[in-house]
Amino acid sequence: MIRHTHQQNSKGTLTAYRDNAAVLAGPVGQRWAPDAHTHCYGYRSEPIHYTAKVETHNHPTAISPFAGAATDSGGEIRDEAAAGRGGKPKAGLTGYAVSHLRLPDLPRPWETAENKPGHLASPLQIMLEGPVGAAAFNNEFGRPNICGYFRSFEQAANPADSGHRHGYHKPIMLAGGLGNIRPDHVEKLNISDGTPVVVLGGPAMLIGLGGGAASSAASGSRSHSLDFASVQRGNSDRRLLRPGPAQSDFIHT
């Protein structure tokens, strides 16, 4: 349905649903950049197009709020940069939906006793550590996280049965952002058969493996070791994952 809407009226949209991020048509502006031929800096009048992307990291944030939210922001930054032939991420946003916070010093009359899978972080822990993790990754990348939202909500499934409640025990955590891309970089180039590919980077180790399968599973239906193995870490050299969510998820080494 969303793609059909776009097909009917794609005005102002240069790419959508076929790349790492969407590209929106922007206004004409003056860009200070070097000339590819003279190698001299100068102003150049051209459209300043926008990249836009939002994605979620619900399961990782439920298991390890700091790391899950951090790598959601990191993945979104990567996708903006990987749009077309390369964009420039500029500003981020994050959003969270959790169950009732149950603040220790400020109980609310509508809050009942907490009832969630034991290996998932509490809503309060998610809201204390998740936004910090997302903002930290943005900041380490040099991009400000400038806006967002959060809500807490639970509701009895049946008014006669207050013990059975629906809520965001497995939270919604989304990260998004905007960037810029030059007009001649909006479309990727075609790669012919036989083109050499160079792979850079170190070993994945047991970090962030099986994330898609873990995210699709019902909360609590997997072993704890598999859940934690599926969580990526923003900087695996600097932060160590603790064995459980009852404590702060990270110690700094």
C-alpha atoms as a PDB file:
ATOM      1  CA  MET A   1       0.000   0.000   0.000  1.00  0.00           C
ATOM      2  CA  ILE A   2       2.827   2.403   0.817  1.00  0.00           C
ATOM      3  CA  ARG A   3       4.583   1.703  -2.473  1.00  0.00           C
ATOM      4  CA  HIS A   4       1.324   2.149  -4.367  1.00  0.00           C
ATOM      5  CA  THR A   5       0.895   5.590  -2.783  1.00  0.00           C
ATOM      6  CA  HIS A   6       4.399   6.477  -3.868  1.00  0.00           C
ATOM      7  CA  GLN A   7       3.719   5.231  -7.400  1.00  0.00           C
ATOM      8  CA  GLN A   8       0.626   7.439  -7.627  1.00  0.00           C
ATOM      9  CA  ASN A   9       2.374  10.573  -6.393  1.00  0.00           C
ATOM     10  CA  SER A  10       6.151  10.547  -6.156  1.00  0.00           C
ATOM     11  CA  LYS A  11       6.564  14.306  -6.548  1.00  0.00           C
ATOM     12  CA  GLY A  12       9.670  15.488  -4.745  1.00  0.00           C
ATOM     13  CA  THR A  13      11.003  11.949  -4.220  1.00  0.00           C
ATOM     14  CA  LEU A  14      14.064  10.933  -6.214  1.00  0.00           C
ATOM     15  CA  THR A  15      14.531   7.407  -4.822  1.00  0.00           C
ATOM     16  CA  ALA A  16      12.487   5.288  -2.406  1.00  0.00           C
ATOM     17  CA  TYR A  17      12.212   1.582  -1.464  1.00  0.00           C
ATOM     18  CA  ARG A  18      15.229   0.575  -3.514  1.00  0.00           C
ATOM     19  CA  ASP A  19      18.320   1.847  -1.709  1.00  0.00           C
ATOM     20  CA  ASN A  20      19.708   2.165   1.785  1.00  0.00           C
ATOM     21  CA  ALA A  21      17.897   5.482   2.283  1.00  0.00           C
ATOM     22  CA  ALA A  22      15.366   7.576   0.416  1.00  0.00           C
ATOM     23  CA  VAL A  23      16.418  10.730  -1.416  1.00  0.00           C
ATOM     24  CA  LEU A  24      14.136  13.780  -1.420  1.00  0.00           C
ATOM     25  CA  ALA A  25      14.493  16.654  -3.867  1.00  0.00           C
ATOM     26  CA  GLY A  26      15.970  19.725  -2.201  1.00  0.00           C
ATOM     27  CA  PRO A  27      16.299  23.394  -3.069  1.00  0.00           C
ATOM     28  CA  VAL A  28      19.081  24.913  -5.139  1.00  0.00           C
ATOM     29  CA  GLY A  29      21.884  26.260  -2.999  1.00  0.00           C
ATOM     30  CA  GLN A  30      25.512  27.304  -3.068  1.00  0.00           C
ATOM     31  CA  ARG A  31      27.955  24.497  -2.270  1.00  0.00           C
ATOM     32  CA  TRP A  32      31.546  25.275  -1.267  1.00  0.00           C
ATOM     33  CA  ALA A  33      33.577  22.465  -2.793  1.00  0.00           C
ATOM     34  CA  PRO A  34      36.684  21.786  -4.882  1.00  0.00           C
ATOM     35  CA  ASP A  35      36.410  21.604  -8.652  1.00  0.00           C
ATOM     36  CA  ALA A  36      37.312  18.134  -9.933  1.00  0.00           C
ATOM     37  CA  HIS A  37      39.245  19.596 -12.862  1.00  0.00           C
ATOM     38  CA  THR A  38      41.007  22.660 -11.426  1.00  0.00           C
ATOM     39  CA  HIS A  39      41.319  21.248  -7.879  1.00  0.00           C
ATOM     40  CA  CYS A  40      40.426  24.705  -6.549  1.00  0.00           C
ATOM     41  CA  TYR A  41      37.687  25.435  -4.027  1.00  0.00           C
ATOM     42  CA  GLY A  42      34.805  27.648  -5.022  1.00  0.00           C
ATOM     43  CA  TYR A  43      31.036  28.092  -4.857  1.00  0.00           C
ATOM     44  CA  ARG A  44      28.899  25.962  -7.107  1.00  0.00           C
ATOM     45  CA  SER A  45      25.144  26.354  -7.600  1.00  0.00           C
ATOM     46  CA  GLU A  46      23.359  22.975  -7.477  1.00  0.00           C
ATOM     47  CA  PRO A  47      20.373  21.234  -5.824  1.00  0.00           C
ATOM     48  CA  ILE A  48      20.956  20.236  -2.214  1.00  0.00           C
ATOM     49  CA  HIS A  49      19.048  16.946  -2.019  1.00  0.00           C
ATOM     50  CA  TYR A  50      18.131  15.241   1.262  1.00  0.00           C
ATOM     51  CA  THR A  51      18.625  11.657   2.385  1.00  0.00           C
ATOM     52  CA  ALA A  52      16.097  10.274   4.888  1.00  0.00           C
ATOM     53  CA  LYS A  53      15.916   6.990   6.788  1.00  0.00           C
ATOM     54  CA  VAL A  54      14.244   5.410   9.824  1.00  0.00           C
ATOM     55  CA  GLU A  55      14.792   1.898  11.144  1.00  0.00           C
ATOM     56  CA  THR A  56      14.114  -0.080  14.326  1.00  0.00           C
ATOM     57  CA  HIS A  57      16.152  -2.112  16.796  1.00  0.00           C
ATOM     58  CA  ASN A  58      13.363  -3.362  19.046  1.00  0.00           C
ATOM     59  CA  HIS A  59      14.780  -6.725  20.112  1.00  0.00           C
ATOM     60  CA  PRO A  60      18.391  -5.621  20.749  1.00  0.00           C
ATOM     61  CA  THR A  61      17.193  -2.648  22.812  1.00  0.00           C
ATOM     62  CA  ALA A  62      14.999  -4.971  24.885  1.00  0.00           C
ATOM     63  CA  ILE A  63      17.978  -7.221  25.622  1.00  0.00           C
ATOM     64  CA  SER A  64      20.679  -4.588  26.057  1.00  0.00           C
ATOM     65  CA  PRO A  65      19.335  -1.020  25.935  1.00  0.00           C
ATOM     66  CA  PHE A  66      22.608   0.895  25.514  1.00  0.00           C
ATOM     67  CA  ALA A  67      24.041  -1.367  22.809  1.00  0.00           C
ATOM     68  CA  GLY A  68      20.759  -1.968  21.009  1.00  0.00           C
ATOM     69  CA  ALA A  69      19.900   1.709  20.721  1.00  0.00           C
ATOM     70  CA  ALA A  70      23.497   2.653  19.864  1.00  0.00           C
ATOM     71  CA  THR A  71      23.768   0.257  16.941  1.00  0.00           C
ATOM     72  CA  ASP A  72      20.317   1.260  15.680  1.00  0.00           C
ATOM     73  CA  SER A  73      21.621   4.810  15.317  1.00  0.00           C
ATOM     74  CA  GLY A  74      24.849   3.478  13.824  1.00  0.00           C
ATOM     75  CA  GLY A  75      23.006   1.418  11.219  1.00  0.00           C
ATOM     76  CA  GLU A  76      20.875   4.380  10.239  1.00  0.00           C
ATOM     77  CA  ILE A  77      23.954   6.599   9.876  1.00  0.00           C
ATOM     78  CA  ARG A  78      25.543   3.930   7.687  1.00  0.00           C
ATOM     79  CA  ASP A  79      22.469   3.738   5.460  1.00  0.00           C
ATOM     80  CA  GLU A  80      22.387   7.483   4.892  1.00  0.00           C
ATOM     81  CA  ALA A  81      26.050   7.379   3.955  1.00  0.00           C
ATOM     82  CA  ALA A  82      25.464   4.389   1.648  1.00  0.00           C
ATOM     83  CA  ALA A  83      22.591   5.953  -0.287  1.00  0.00           C
ATOM     84  CA  GLY A  84      23.384   6.251  -3.972  1.00  0.00           C
ATOM     85  CA  ARG A  85      27.103   6.800  -4.432  1.00  0.00           C
ATOM     86  CA  GLY A  86      27.443   8.285  -0.966  1.00  0.00           C
ATOM     87  CA  GLY A  87      25.581  10.799   1.168  1.00  0.00           C
ATOM     88  CA  LYS A  88      26.549  12.854   4.208  1.00  0.00           C
ATOM     89  CA  PRO A  89      24.572  12.181   7.433  1.00  0.00           C
ATOM     90  CA  LYS A  90      23.717  15.430   9.192  1.00  0.00           C
ATOM     91  CA  ALA A  91      21.196  15.042  12.057  1.00  0.00           C
ATOM     92  CA  GLY A  92      19.511  12.183  13.916  1.00  0.00           C
ATOM     93  CA  LEU A  93      16.344  11.403  15.853  1.00  0.00           C
ATOM     94  CA  THR A  94      15.276   8.553  18.127  1.00  0.00           C
ATOM     95  CA  GLY A  95      11.974   7.269  19.480  1.00  0.00           C
ATOM     96  CA  TYR A  96      10.919   4.824  22.197  1.00  0.00           C
ATOM     97  CA  ALA A  97       7.694   3.106  23.258  1.00  0.00           C
ATOM     98  CA  VAL A  98       7.869   1.139  26.524  1.00  0.00           C
ATOM     99  CA  SER A  99       5.528  -0.235  29.151  1.00  0.00           C
ATOM    100  CA  HIS A 100       4.868   1.666  32.387  1.00  0.00           C
ATOM    101  CA  LEU A 101       8.064   3.088  33.860  1.00  0.00           C
ATOM    102  CA  ARG A 102       7.251   2.264  37.526  1.00  0.00           C
ATOM    103  CA  LEU A 103       9.562   4.917  38.962  1.00  0.00           C
ATOM    104  CA  PRO A 104      10.676   3.721  42.408  1.00  0.00           C
ATOM    105  CA  ASP A 105      10.033   7.074  44.087  1.00  0.00           C
ATOM    106  CA  LEU A 106       6.968   8.061  42.077  1.00  0.00           C
ATOM    107  CA  PRO A 107       4.453   5.200  41.775  1.00  0.00           C
ATOM    108  CA  ARG A 108       1.393   6.001  39.704  1.00  0.00           C
ATOM    109  CA  PRO A 109      -2.114   4.757  40.554  1.00  0.00           C
ATOM    110  CA  TRP A 110      -2.568   3.031  37.178  1.00  0.00           C
ATOM    111  CA  GLU A 111       0.643   0.992  37.474  1.00  0.00           C
ATOM    112  CA  THR A 112       0.293  -2.647  38.535  1.00  0.00           C
ATOM    113  CA  ALA A 113       3.091  -5.031  39.499  1.00  0.00           C
ATOM    114  CA  GLU A 114       5.608  -5.539  36.710  1.00  0.00           C
ATOM    115  CA  ASN A 115       5.116  -8.724  34.709  1.00  0.00           C
ATOM    116  CA  LYS A 116       7.575  -9.284  31.866  1.00  0.00           C
ATOM    117  CA  PRO A 117      10.048 -11.944  30.647  1.00  0.00           C
ATOM    118  CA  GLY A 118      12.914 -11.960  33.123  1.00  0.00           C
ATOM    119  CA  HIS A 119      15.717 -11.523  30.576  1.00  0.00           C
ATOM    120  CA  LEU A 120      14.244  -8.350  29.062  1.00  0.00           C
ATOM    121  CA  ALA A 121      15.295  -4.976  30.417  1.00  0.00           C
ATOM    122  CA  SER A 122      12.710  -3.036  32.361  1.00  0.00           C
ATOM    123  CA  PRO A 123      11.039   0.014  30.795  1.00  0.00           C
ATOM    124  CA  LEU A 124      12.867   2.254  33.268  1.00  0.00           C
ATOM    125  CA  GLN A 125      16.225   0.707  32.398  1.00  0.00           C
ATOM    126  CA  ILE A 126      15.496   1.112  28.685  1.00  0.00           C
ATOM    127  CA  MET A 127      14.654   4.796  29.112  1.00  0.00           C
ATOM    128  CA  LEU A 128      17.723   5.425  31.285  1.00  0.00           C
ATOM    129  CA  GLU A 129      20.232   3.668  29.012  1.00  0.00           C
ATOM    130  CA  GLY A 130      18.722   3.525  25.500  1.00  0.00           C
ATOM    131  CA  PRO A 131      18.660   7.279  24.764  1.00  0.00           C
ATOM    132  CA  VAL A 132      22.204   7.600  26.115  1.00  0.00           C
ATOM    133  CA  GLY A 133      23.415   4.796  23.835  1.00  0.00           C
ATOM    134  CA  ALA A 134      21.762   6.296  20.760  1.00  0.00           C
ATOM    135  CA  ALA A 135      23.043   9.792  21.525  1.00  0.00           C
ATOM    136  CA  ALA A 136      26.528   8.412  22.230  1.00  0.00           C
ATOM    137  CA  PHE A 137      26.818   6.750  18.829  1.00  0.00           C
ATOM    138  CA  ASN A 138      25.540   9.880  17.119  1.00  0.00           C
ATOM    139  CA  ASN A 139      28.018  11.988  19.067  1.00  0.00           C
ATOM    140  CA  GLU A 140      30.961   9.662  18.410  1.00  0.00           C
ATOM    141  CA  PHE A 141      30.156   9.913  14.720  1.00  0.00           C
ATOM    142  CA  GLY A 142      30.016  13.704  14.958  1.00  0.00           C
ATOM    143  CA  ARG A 143      26.296  13.935  14.226  1.00  0.00           C
ATOM    144  CA  PRO A 144      23.822  15.597  16.636  1.00  0.00           C
ATOM    145  CA  ASN A 145      20.753  13.711  17.791  1.00  0.00           C
ATOM    146  CA  ILE A 146      18.359  16.641  17.770  1.00  0.00           C
ATOM    147  CA  CYS A 147      14.843  15.304  18.395  1.00  0.00           C
ATOM    148  CA  GLY A 148      12.679  12.307  19.192  1.00  0.00           C
ATOM    149  CA  TYR A 149       9.779  11.035  21.250  1.00  0.00           C
ATOM    150  CA  PHE A 150       8.904   8.492  23.905  1.00  0.00           C
ATOM    151  CA  ARG A 151       5.722   7.053  25.344  1.00  0.00           C
ATOM    152  CA  SER A 152       4.866   4.547  28.068  1.00  0.00           C
ATOM    153  CA  PHE A 153       1.648   2.551  27.866  1.00  0.00           C
ATOM    154  CA  GLU A 154      -0.072  -0.563  29.188  1.00  0.00           C
ATOM    155  CA  GLN A 155      -3.697  -1.632  29.017  1.00  0.00           C
ATOM    156  CA  ALA A 156      -5.656  -4.487  30.508  1.00  0.00           C
ATOM    157  CA  ALA A 157      -6.650  -6.977  27.828  1.00  0.00           C
ATOM    158  CA  ASN A 158      -9.948  -7.503  29.662  1.00  0.00           C
ATOM    159  CA  PRO A 159     -11.308  -5.012  32.226  1.00  0.00           C
ATOM    160  CA  ALA A 160     -12.337  -7.979  34.369  1.00  0.00           C
ATOM    161  CA  ASP A 161      -8.802  -9.409  34.301  1.00  0.00           C
ATOM    162  CA  SER A 162      -6.312  -6.714  35.294  1.00  0.00           C
ATOM    163  CA  GLY A 163      -3.493  -9.264  35.535  1.00  0.00           C
ATOM    164  CA  HIS A 164      -3.455  -9.862  31.769  1.00  0.00           C
ATOM    165  CA  ARG A 165      -2.105  -6.706  30.199  1.00  0.00           C
ATOM    166  CA  HIS A 166      -0.816  -5.578  26.829  1.00  0.00           C
ATOM    167  CA  GLY A 167       2.172  -3.263  26.713  1.00  0.00           C
ATOM    168  CA  TYR A 168       5.546  -2.559  25.170  1.00  0.00           C
ATOM    169  CA  HIS A 169       7.531  -5.127  27.213  1.00  0.00           C
ATOM    170  CA  LYS A 170       9.435  -5.677  23.994  1.00  0.00           C
ATOM    171  CA  PRO A 171       9.926  -1.984  23.252  1.00  0.00           C
ATOM    172  CA  ILE A 172       9.728  -0.058  20.029  1.00  0.00           C
ATOM    173  CA  MET A 173      13.046   1.688  19.441  1.00  0.00           C
ATOM    174  CA  LEU A 174      13.503   3.613  16.227  1.00  0.00           C
ATOM    175  CA  ALA A 175      16.357   5.693  14.907  1.00  0.00           C
ATOM    176  CA  GLY A 176      16.197   8.021  11.958  1.00  0.00           C
ATOM    177  CA  GLY A 177      17.913  10.966  10.440  1.00  0.00           C
ATOM    178  CA  LEU A 178      18.515  13.342   7.582  1.00  0.00           C
ATOM    179  CA  GLY A 179      21.509  14.071   5.417  1.00  0.00           C
ATOM    180  CA  ASN A 180      22.551  15.605   2.118  1.00  0.00           C
ATOM    181  CA  ILE A 181      23.623  14.105  -1.172  1.00  0.00           C
ATOM    182  CA  ARG A 182      24.896  15.684  -4.368  1.00  0.00           C
ATOM    183  CA  PRO A 183      22.782  15.334  -7.547  1.00  0.00           C
ATOM    184  CA  ASP A 184      25.343  13.238  -9.420  1.00  0.00           C
ATOM    185  CA  HIS A 185      25.600  10.841  -6.456  1.00  0.00           C
ATOM    186  CA  VAL A 186      21.891   9.959  -6.154  1.00  0.00           C
ATOM    187  CA  GLU A 187      22.059   6.884  -8.406  1.00  0.00           C
ATOM    188  CA  LYS A 188      24.468   3.997  -7.996  1.00  0.00           C
ATOM    189  CA  LEU A 189      26.667   2.948 -10.903  1.00  0.00           C
ATOM    190  CA  ASN A 190      26.175  -0.434 -12.545  1.00  0.00           C
ATOM    191  CA  ILE A 191      28.744  -3.081 -11.658  1.00  0.00           C
ATOM    192  CA  SER A 192      29.581  -5.520 -14.412  1.00  0.00           C
ATOM    193  CA  ASP A 193      30.252  -9.214 -13.973  1.00  0.00           C
ATOM    194  CA  GLY A 194      33.808  -9.953 -12.934  1.00  0.00           C
ATOM    195  CA  THR A 195      34.354  -6.660 -11.101  1.00  0.00           C
ATOM    196  CA  PRO A 196      36.814  -7.228  -8.213  1.00  0.00           C
ATOM    197  CA  VAL A 197      35.378  -6.695  -4.723  1.00  0.00           C
ATOM    198  CA  VAL A 198      37.590  -5.724  -1.798  1.00  0.00           C
ATOM    199  CA  VAL A 199      36.274  -6.619   1.675  1.00  0.00           C
ATOM    200  CA  LEU A 200      37.624  -4.531   4.542  1.00  0.00           C
ATOM    201  CA  GLY A 201      37.170  -5.131   8.281  1.00  0.00           C
ATOM    202  CA  GLY A 202      37.889  -7.583  11.039  1.00  0.00           C
ATOM    203  CA  PRO A 203      36.138 -10.797  12.086  1.00  0.00           C
ATOM    204  CA  ALA A 204      32.511 -10.599  13.205  1.00  0.00           C
ATOM    205  CA  MET A 205      33.071 -12.975  16.150  1.00  0.00           C
ATOM    206  CA  LEU A 206      29.897 -13.859  18.097  1.00  0.00           C
ATOM    207  CA  ILE A 207      28.476 -10.343  18.004  1.00  0.00           C
ATOM    208  CA  GLY A 208      25.239  -9.408  16.287  1.00  0.00           C
ATOM    209  CA  LEU A 209      24.715 -12.809  14.663  1.00  0.00           C
ATOM    210  CA  GLY A 210      21.164 -13.994  14.074  1.00  0.00           C
ATOM    211  CA  GLY A 211      19.652 -10.615  14.823  1.00  0.00           C
ATOM    212  CA  GLY A 212      16.884 -10.947  12.268  1.00  0.00           C
ATOM    213  CA  ALA A 213      15.757 -14.334  13.555  1.00  0.00           C
ATOM    214  CA  ALA A 214      15.958 -13.152  17.167  1.00  0.00           C
ATOM    215  CA  SER A 215      13.928 -10.058  16.425  1.00  0.00           C
ATOM    216  CA  SER A 216      11.173 -12.103  14.800  1.00  0.00           C
ATOM    217  CA  ALA A 217      10.877 -14.552  17.704  1.00  0.00           C
ATOM    218  CA  ALA A 218       8.347 -14.049  20.463  1.00  0.00           C
ATOM    219  CA  SER A 219       9.841 -12.485  23.569  1.00  0.00           C
ATOM    220  CA  GLY A 220      11.175 -15.142  25.903  1.00  0.00           C
ATOM    221  CA  SER A 221      10.969 -17.999  23.388  1.00  0.00           C
ATOM    222  CA  ARG A 222      14.752 -18.212  22.874  1.00  0.00           C
ATOM    223  CA  SER A 223      17.608 -19.068  25.186  1.00  0.00           C
ATOM    224  CA  HIS A 224      19.318 -16.163  26.918  1.00  0.00           C
ATOM    225  CA  SER A 225      22.676 -16.934  25.276  1.00  0.00           C
ATOM    226  CA  LEU A 226      21.175 -16.719  21.793  1.00  0.00           C
ATOM    227  CA  ASP A 227      19.415 -13.478  22.682  1.00  0.00           C
ATOM    228  CA  PHE A 228      22.623 -11.815  23.840  1.00  0.00           C
ATOM    229  CA  ALA A 229      24.631 -13.152  20.895  1.00  0.00           C
ATOM    230  CA  SER A 230      22.194 -11.390  18.543  1.00  0.00           C
ATOM    231  CA  VAL A 231      22.867  -7.962  20.091  1.00  0.00           C
ATOM    232  CA  GLN A 232      25.438  -5.822  18.334  1.00  0.00           C
ATOM    233  CA  ARG A 233      27.788  -3.556  20.249  1.00  0.00           C
ATOM    234  CA  GLY A 234      28.531   0.020  19.264  1.00  0.00           C
ATOM    235  CA  ASN A 235      32.221  -0.443  20.104  1.00  0.00           C
ATOM    236  CA  SER A 236      32.973  -4.011  21.128  1.00  0.00           C
ATOM    237  CA  ASP A 237      36.543  -3.132  22.100  1.00  0.00           C
ATOM    238  CA  ARG A 238      35.435  -0.571  24.668  1.00  0.00           C
ATOM    239  CA  ARG A 239      32.309  -2.056  26.232  1.00  0.00           C
ATOM    240  CA  LEU A 240      31.744  -5.527  27.626  1.00  0.00           C
ATOM    241  CA  LEU A 241      28.287  -7.025  27.859  1.00  0.00           C
ATOM    242  CA  ARG A 242      27.245  -8.136  31.321  1.00  0.00           C
ATOM    243  CA  PRO A 243      25.558 -11.544  31.680  1.00  0.00           C
ATOM    244  CA  GLY A 244      22.141 -10.145  32.546  1.00  0.00           C
ATOM    245  CA  PRO A 245      19.969  -7.039  32.367  1.00  0.00           C
ATOM    246  CA  ALA A 246      19.485  -6.664  36.102  1.00  0.00           C
ATOM    247  CA  GLN A 247      22.627  -4.552  36.318  1.00  0.00           C
ATOM    248  CA  SER A 248      23.950  -1.830  34.044  1.00  0.00           C
ATOM    249  CA  ASP A 249      24.668  -3.493  30.725  1.00  0.00           C
ATOM    250  CA  PHE A 250      28.200  -2.235  30.295  1.00  0.00           C
ATOM    251  CA  ILE A 251      31.440  -1.843  32.109  1.00  0.00           C
ATOM    252  CA  HIS A 252      34.095   0.396  30.609  1.00  0.00           C
ATOM    253  CA  THR A 253      37.527  -1.128  30.151  1.00  0.00           C
END
